Amino acid sequence: MTQTTRTLARALLDVDALGAEGIEEVLEEAGQMRGEDGRPVRSRELAGQIVANLFYEASTRTRVSFEIAARNLGAEVVNVQPSGSSITKGESLVDTVRTLESLGADAIVIRHSEAGAPYLVSRHFDGAVVNAGDGLHAHPTQALLDLLTMRDRFGELRGLRVAIVGDVSHSRVARSTTIGLVLLGAHVRLCGPRTLLPPDGWLEYLPRSERGGGAVQTTSLAEALEGAQVVMALRMQRERQTGGLLPGLREFVRDYGLDREKLSRLAPGAVVMHPGPVNEGVELAPELIVAKDSLIGRQVANGVFVRMAVLRMLLGGERG
């Protein structure tokens, strides 16, 4: 079999650098990581390579997903936790990265509370770097798995109507997924309380879509949901309430929490998504989480395929 193409030459820091064709290439690669039985296709093509998961923030889905993805490809995985390392003694991020490189790491998957941290890592590490979430900035593999999930359901993303509801301003998922959708020609409606929406001017900085995609913002849930084919709820952080950005969760649930009655405005055949973990009864009514039109479980499963594809493309594995 031929060597995989090199859309991801050295790092995946955000989806905007991929462009529409690059995103589609990663999604195609992810589809090939899925066997006919729907389970990951395991191989030894990355045997002998070491993937270091460097997570400065708590994570379950993303960290475990990357670990499973790497092991499915035969790579060895090292999980670095700040609480059990020299980081607690004041070791800098650059020092940690240099240590991992000296120990033989071939790739670093990093999650950090500071926006831009993965970019710093990529300047001081000669191996592959994957951004697993940095501050309020980006979460590219989450965006890619969201796009894969929508493509699985609808086939073509050009012209797809997507509503993203909740705390848009503080969501790296909303930002990266919006960029990916716009590049692929989808129409995105970002909705939430005014205090949880970024300034309207930020839409001007979205990459230009050659496929007719675009994004708008609204505080009207009815307007956002009308005729949408996908609605993605965002996790509400409790600190938004204590920080004075919301009068209370009860008001948020009343105005923006999704239930079956509110979803009646969606297009026929519409689906529900959420990056997880879900605050039941806040972003989504409990019955929606496991409903037939919910793709939340599929998002989690697709995360493994996308991360397998990313690691394979970065580390240069071969099929077969």
Protein backbone atom coordinates (compact mmCIF):
# COMPACT_ATOMS: atom_id res chain seq x y z
CA MET A 1 0.00 0.00 0.00
CA THR A 2 1.13 3.56 -0.59
CA GLN A 3 2.30 5.95 2.03
CA THR A 4 -0.42 8.21 3.42
CA THR A 5 -0.50 11.78 2.11
CA ARG A 6 1.03 14.52 4.19
CA THR A 7 -1.75 17.03 4.80
CA LEU A 8 -0.62 16.88 8.43
CA ALA A 9 3.07 17.38 7.85
CA ARG A 10 4.08 17.89 11.47
CA ALA A 11 1.32 19.25 13.68
CA LEU A 12 -2.42 19.68 14.06
CA LEU A 13 -2.94 22.93 15.95
CA ASP A 14 -6.34 23.98 14.56
CA VAL A 15 -8.61 23.14 11.65
CA ASP A 16 -8.26 26.45 9.79
CA ALA A 17 -4.76 25.54 8.60
CA LEU A 18 -6.13 22.39 6.93
CA GLY A 19 -8.55 24.15 4.59
CA ALA A 20 -11.57 22.37 3.14
CA GLU A 21 -9.57 19.81 1.17
CA GLY A 22 -7.33 19.01 4.12
CA ILE A 23 -10.32 18.49 6.40
CA GLU A 24 -11.88 16.14 3.88
CA GLU A 25 -8.64 14.21 3.61
CA VAL A 26 -8.55 13.66 7.37
CA LEU A 27 -12.22 12.61 7.36
CA GLU A 28 -11.54 10.13 4.56
CA GLU A 29 -8.61 8.72 6.51
CA ALA A 30 -10.79 8.47 9.63
CA GLY A 31 -13.40 6.54 7.65
CA GLN A 32 -10.74 3.99 6.72
CA MET A 33 -9.92 3.50 10.39
CA ARG A 34 -13.45 2.12 10.85
CA GLY A 35 -13.94 -1.54 10.04
CA GLU A 36 -17.02 -3.10 8.47
CA ASP A 37 -18.20 -4.05 11.95
CA GLY A 38 -18.00 -0.40 13.02
CA ARG A 39 -15.03 -1.03 15.30
CA PRO A 40 -11.50 0.37 14.87
CA VAL A 41 -9.18 -1.43 12.48
CA ARG A 42 -6.15 -2.39 14.55
CA SER A 43 -2.64 -2.54 13.18
CA ARG A 44 1.01 -2.40 14.19
CA GLU A 45 1.96 0.34 11.75
CA LEU A 46 3.11 2.74 14.49
CA ALA A 47 4.89 0.04 16.49
CA GLY A 48 7.99 1.38 18.19
CA GLN A 49 6.73 4.96 18.28
CA ILE A 50 5.88 6.75 21.53
CA VAL A 51 2.93 9.08 21.97
CA ALA A 52 3.03 11.27 25.08
CA ASN A 53 -0.30 12.56 26.38
CA LEU A 54 0.53 15.82 28.19
CA PHE A 55 -2.68 16.97 29.83
CA TYR A 56 -2.57 20.02 32.08
CA GLU A 57 -6.37 19.98 32.34
CA ALA A 58 -8.64 17.20 33.52
CA SER A 59 -10.04 15.08 30.71
CA THR A 60 -11.65 11.70 30.25
CA ARG A 61 -13.06 11.44 26.74
CA THR A 62 -10.25 13.16 24.90
CA ARG A 63 -7.32 11.65 26.79
CA VAL A 64 -8.69 8.10 26.75
CA SER A 65 -9.69 8.46 23.11
CA PHE A 66 -6.15 9.46 22.13
CA GLU A 67 -4.72 6.59 24.19
CA ILE A 68 -7.00 4.03 22.55
CA ALA A 69 -6.28 5.49 19.11
CA ALA A 70 -2.51 5.25 19.59
CA ARG A 71 -2.67 1.71 20.96
CA ASN A 72 -4.93 0.62 18.09
CA LEU A 73 -2.08 1.62 15.77
CA GLY A 74 0.54 -0.24 17.80
CA ALA A 75 2.17 2.81 19.39
CA GLU A 76 3.27 3.01 23.01
CA VAL A 77 1.53 5.61 25.17
CA VAL A 78 2.88 7.63 28.09
CA ASN A 79 0.39 9.67 30.12
CA VAL A 80 1.97 12.67 31.84
CA GLN A 81 -0.08 14.12 34.69
CA PRO A 82 0.99 17.46 36.21
CA SER A 83 0.12 16.25 39.72
CA GLY A 84 2.63 13.42 39.50
CA SER A 85 5.50 15.05 37.68
CA SER A 86 8.17 17.73 38.00
CA ILE A 87 5.59 20.23 36.76
CA THR A 88 4.52 20.60 40.39
CA LYS A 89 8.11 21.58 41.22
CA GLY A 90 8.02 24.50 38.81
CA GLU A 91 9.24 22.83 35.63
CA SER A 92 8.25 24.95 32.65
CA LEU A 93 6.28 23.69 29.66
CA VAL A 94 9.35 24.01 27.44
CA ASP A 95 11.46 22.06 29.95
CA THR A 96 8.85 19.30 30.04
CA VAL A 97 8.72 19.13 26.26
CA ARG A 98 12.50 18.93 25.98
CA THR A 99 12.52 16.16 28.57
CA LEU A 100 9.93 14.17 26.63
CA GLU A 101 11.94 14.60 23.45
CA SER A 102 15.12 13.42 25.16
CA LEU A 103 13.23 10.37 26.44
CA GLY A 104 12.30 9.44 22.88
CA ALA A 105 8.73 10.69 22.44
CA ASP A 106 7.71 10.83 18.78
CA ALA A 107 4.48 12.77 19.34
CA ILE A 108 3.02 15.00 22.03
CA VAL A 109 -0.73 15.37 22.49
CA ILE A 110 -1.23 18.44 24.66
CA ARG A 111 -4.18 19.94 26.48
CA HIS A 112 -3.52 23.20 28.29
CA SER A 113 -5.53 25.97 29.92
CA GLU A 114 -3.50 28.64 28.12
CA ALA A 115 -4.39 29.48 24.52
CA GLY A 116 -1.38 29.04 22.29
CA ALA A 117 0.43 26.45 24.41
CA PRO A 118 0.47 23.83 21.60
CA TYR A 119 2.06 26.40 19.28
CA LEU A 120 4.82 26.92 21.83
CA VAL A 121 5.31 23.16 22.06
CA SER A 122 5.60 22.85 18.28
CA ARG A 123 8.47 25.38 18.29
CA HIS A 124 10.49 23.39 20.83
CA PHE A 125 9.71 19.79 19.85
CA ASP A 126 10.97 18.10 16.71
CA GLY A 127 8.25 15.44 16.67
CA ALA A 128 4.52 15.59 15.94
CA VAL A 129 2.24 17.84 18.01
CA VAL A 130 -1.52 17.56 18.39
CA ASN A 131 -3.63 20.21 20.09
CA ALA A 132 -6.12 18.44 22.37
CA GLY A 133 -7.62 21.75 23.51
CA ASP A 134 -5.95 25.03 24.45
CA GLY A 135 -7.75 27.54 26.62
CA LEU A 136 -10.71 29.12 24.87
CA HIS A 137 -8.93 28.89 21.53
CA ALA A 138 -9.24 25.58 19.69
CA HIS A 139 -10.06 21.88 19.86
CA PRO A 140 -9.35 20.58 16.36
CA THR A 141 -9.89 16.85 16.85
CA GLN A 142 -13.26 17.51 18.50
CA ALA A 143 -14.22 19.62 15.50
CA LEU A 144 -13.11 16.87 13.11
CA LEU A 145 -15.09 14.19 14.92
CA ASP A 146 -18.13 16.47 14.91
CA LEU A 147 -17.74 16.93 11.16
CA LEU A 148 -17.28 13.20 10.63
CA THR A 149 -20.44 12.50 12.63
CA MET A 150 -22.47 14.96 10.55
CA ARG A 151 -21.02 13.61 7.32
CA ASP A 152 -21.89 10.05 8.33
CA ARG A 153 -25.49 11.14 8.83
CA PHE A 154 -26.01 13.59 5.95
CA GLY A 155 -23.28 12.73 3.46
CA GLU A 156 -22.70 16.22 2.12
CA LEU A 157 -21.99 19.10 4.51
CA ARG A 158 -22.32 21.84 1.91
CA GLY A 159 -25.56 23.69 2.64
CA LEU A 160 -26.17 21.87 5.95
CA ARG A 161 -27.97 24.03 8.51
CA VAL A 162 -26.39 23.73 11.97
CA ALA A 163 -27.41 25.44 15.21
CA ILE A 164 -24.83 25.62 18.02
CA VAL A 165 -26.48 26.62 21.30
CA GLY A 166 -25.13 27.68 24.69
CA ASP A 167 -21.92 29.22 25.98
CA VAL A 168 -20.39 30.06 22.60
CA SER A 169 -18.02 32.72 23.92
CA HIS A 170 -16.08 30.35 26.18
CA SER A 171 -16.21 27.28 23.93
CA ARG A 172 -13.13 26.19 21.99
CA VAL A 173 -15.34 23.45 20.53
CA ALA A 174 -17.78 25.99 19.11
CA ARG A 175 -14.95 27.97 17.54
CA SER A 176 -13.16 25.06 15.87
CA THR A 177 -16.32 23.28 14.76
CA THR A 178 -17.71 26.51 13.30
CA ILE A 179 -14.53 27.04 11.32
CA GLY A 180 -14.67 23.51 9.95
CA LEU A 181 -18.35 23.75 9.04
CA VAL A 182 -17.92 27.09 7.29
CA LEU A 183 -14.97 25.81 5.28
CA LEU A 184 -17.03 22.84 4.11
CA GLY A 185 -19.94 25.06 3.08
CA ALA A 186 -22.36 24.66 5.99
CA HIS A 187 -24.56 27.43 7.40
CA VAL A 188 -24.01 27.89 11.14
CA ARG A 189 -26.25 29.71 13.62
CA LEU A 190 -24.57 30.45 16.93
CA CYS A 191 -27.07 31.04 19.72
CA GLY A 192 -26.95 31.91 23.40
CA PRO A 193 -27.52 34.69 25.92
CA ARG A 194 -25.85 37.94 24.88
CA THR A 195 -23.37 37.57 27.77
CA LEU A 196 -22.28 34.18 26.40
CA LEU A 197 -21.84 35.23 22.77
CA PRO A 198 -18.56 36.69 21.51
CA PRO A 199 -18.57 40.15 19.92
CA ASP A 200 -20.22 40.08 16.49
CA GLY A 201 -16.99 41.26 14.94
CA TRP A 202 -15.30 37.90 15.53
CA LEU A 203 -17.30 36.41 12.66
CA GLU A 204 -15.26 38.58 10.29
CA TYR A 205 -12.17 36.58 11.25
CA LEU A 206 -13.62 33.24 10.19
CA PRO A 207 -11.80 31.80 7.17
CA ARG A 208 -13.35 32.62 3.83
CA SER A 209 -15.42 29.76 2.45
CA GLU A 210 -15.19 28.94 -1.24
CA ARG A 211 -18.20 26.64 -0.82
CA GLY A 212 -20.75 29.19 0.33
CA GLY A 213 -20.53 28.50 4.06
CA GLY A 214 -21.09 31.15 6.69
CA ALA A 215 -22.07 31.86 10.28
CA VAL A 216 -24.42 34.23 12.10
CA GLN A 217 -25.16 34.91 15.76
CA THR A 218 -28.51 35.30 17.48
CA THR A 219 -29.92 35.41 20.99
CA SER A 220 -33.20 33.91 19.73
CA LEU A 221 -33.36 30.15 20.20
CA ALA A 222 -36.43 29.93 17.99
CA GLU A 223 -34.58 31.67 15.18
CA ALA A 224 -31.55 29.41 15.57
CA LEU A 225 -33.56 26.19 15.55
CA GLU A 226 -36.00 27.00 12.76
CA GLY A 227 -35.35 24.48 9.99
CA ALA A 228 -31.94 23.42 11.35
CA GLN A 229 -30.81 19.90 10.49
CA VAL A 230 -28.34 19.66 13.37
CA VAL A 231 -28.47 21.20 16.81
CA MET A 232 -25.37 21.00 18.99
CA ALA A 233 -25.69 21.98 22.62
CA LEU A 234 -22.59 23.22 24.44
CA ARG A 235 -21.69 22.33 28.00
CA MET A 236 -22.60 25.02 30.49
CA GLN A 237 -19.80 25.69 32.96
CA ARG A 238 -21.03 26.34 36.49
CA GLU A 239 -18.57 29.21 36.93
CA ARG A 240 -20.47 31.23 34.32
CA GLN A 241 -23.30 31.58 36.84
CA THR A 242 -21.05 32.53 39.76
CA GLY A 243 -19.13 34.90 37.47
CA GLY A 244 -22.25 37.00 36.92
CA LEU A 245 -22.69 36.07 33.25
CA LEU A 246 -26.05 34.45 33.96
CA PRO A 247 -28.83 35.34 36.38
CA GLY A 248 -29.17 31.63 37.17
CA LEU A 249 -29.28 28.16 35.65
CA ARG A 250 -33.06 28.10 35.91
CA GLU A 251 -33.32 31.02 33.51
CA PHE A 252 -30.79 29.43 31.15
CA VAL A 253 -32.72 26.16 31.09
CA ARG A 254 -35.96 28.01 30.46
CA ASP A 255 -34.59 30.04 27.56
CA TYR A 256 -31.86 27.85 26.04
CA GLY A 257 -32.10 24.36 27.50
CA LEU A 258 -33.21 21.96 24.76
CA ASP A 259 -36.24 19.74 25.16
CA ARG A 260 -38.56 17.95 22.75
CA GLU A 261 -40.97 20.88 22.52
CA LYS A 262 -38.26 23.34 21.50
CA LEU A 263 -36.83 20.86 18.99
CA SER A 264 -40.14 20.79 17.14
CA ARG A 265 -38.79 23.74 15.13
CA LEU A 266 -36.04 21.60 13.63
CA ALA A 267 -36.19 20.20 10.11
CA PRO A 268 -37.55 16.66 9.65
CA GLY A 269 -34.81 14.12 10.29
CA ALA A 270 -32.74 16.55 12.36
CA VAL A 271 -30.25 15.25 14.92
CA VAL A 272 -28.97 16.29 18.34
CA MET A 273 -25.26 16.51 19.26
CA HIS A 274 -23.17 17.51 22.27
CA PRO A 275 -19.37 17.47 22.78
CA GLY A 276 -19.83 16.11 26.31
CA PRO A 277 -19.94 15.68 29.14
CA VAL A 278 -23.62 16.64 29.32
CA ASN A 279 -25.18 18.42 32.28
CA GLU A 280 -28.47 16.52 32.22
CA GLY A 281 -31.44 18.81 32.51
CA VAL A 282 -29.37 21.91 31.75
CA GLU A 283 -28.23 21.89 28.11
CA LEU A 284 -30.38 18.87 27.22
CA ALA A 285 -33.43 17.22 28.70
CA PRO A 286 -32.36 13.72 29.88
CA GLU A 287 -34.54 11.92 27.34
CA LEU A 288 -32.78 13.64 24.44
CA ILE A 289 -29.37 12.22 25.33
CA VAL A 290 -30.32 8.65 24.39
CA ALA A 291 -33.07 9.41 21.89
CA LYS A 292 -33.01 7.89 18.41
CA ASP A 293 -32.14 11.27 16.92
CA SER A 294 -29.18 11.73 19.28
CA LEU A 295 -25.69 11.28 17.81
CA ILE A 296 -23.84 11.85 21.08
CA GLY A 297 -22.70 8.24 21.37
CA ARG A 298 -21.58 8.26 17.74
CA GLN A 299 -19.49 11.38 18.42
CA VAL A 300 -17.59 9.55 21.16
CA ALA A 301 -16.95 6.53 18.92
CA ASN A 302 -15.88 8.72 15.99
CA GLY A 303 -13.34 10.41 18.23
CA VAL A 304 -11.21 7.26 18.16
CA PHE A 305 -11.32 7.03 14.35
CA VAL A 306 -10.41 10.70 13.90
CA ARG A 307 -7.55 10.54 16.37
CA MET A 308 -6.24 7.34 14.79
CA ALA A 309 -6.28 9.12 11.43
CA VAL A 310 -4.48 12.19 12.81
CA LEU A 311 -1.76 10.16 14.54
CA ARG A 312 -1.29 7.99 11.48
CA MET A 313 -0.99 10.95 9.14
CA LEU A 314 1.41 12.75 11.46
CA LEU A 315 3.62 9.78 12.21
CA GLY A 316 3.62 8.44 8.66
CA GLY A 317 2.23 4.94 9.06
CA GLU A 318 1.36 2.69 6.15
CA ARG A 319 -1.76 0.60 5.67
CA GLY A 320 -1.52 -3.15 5.29
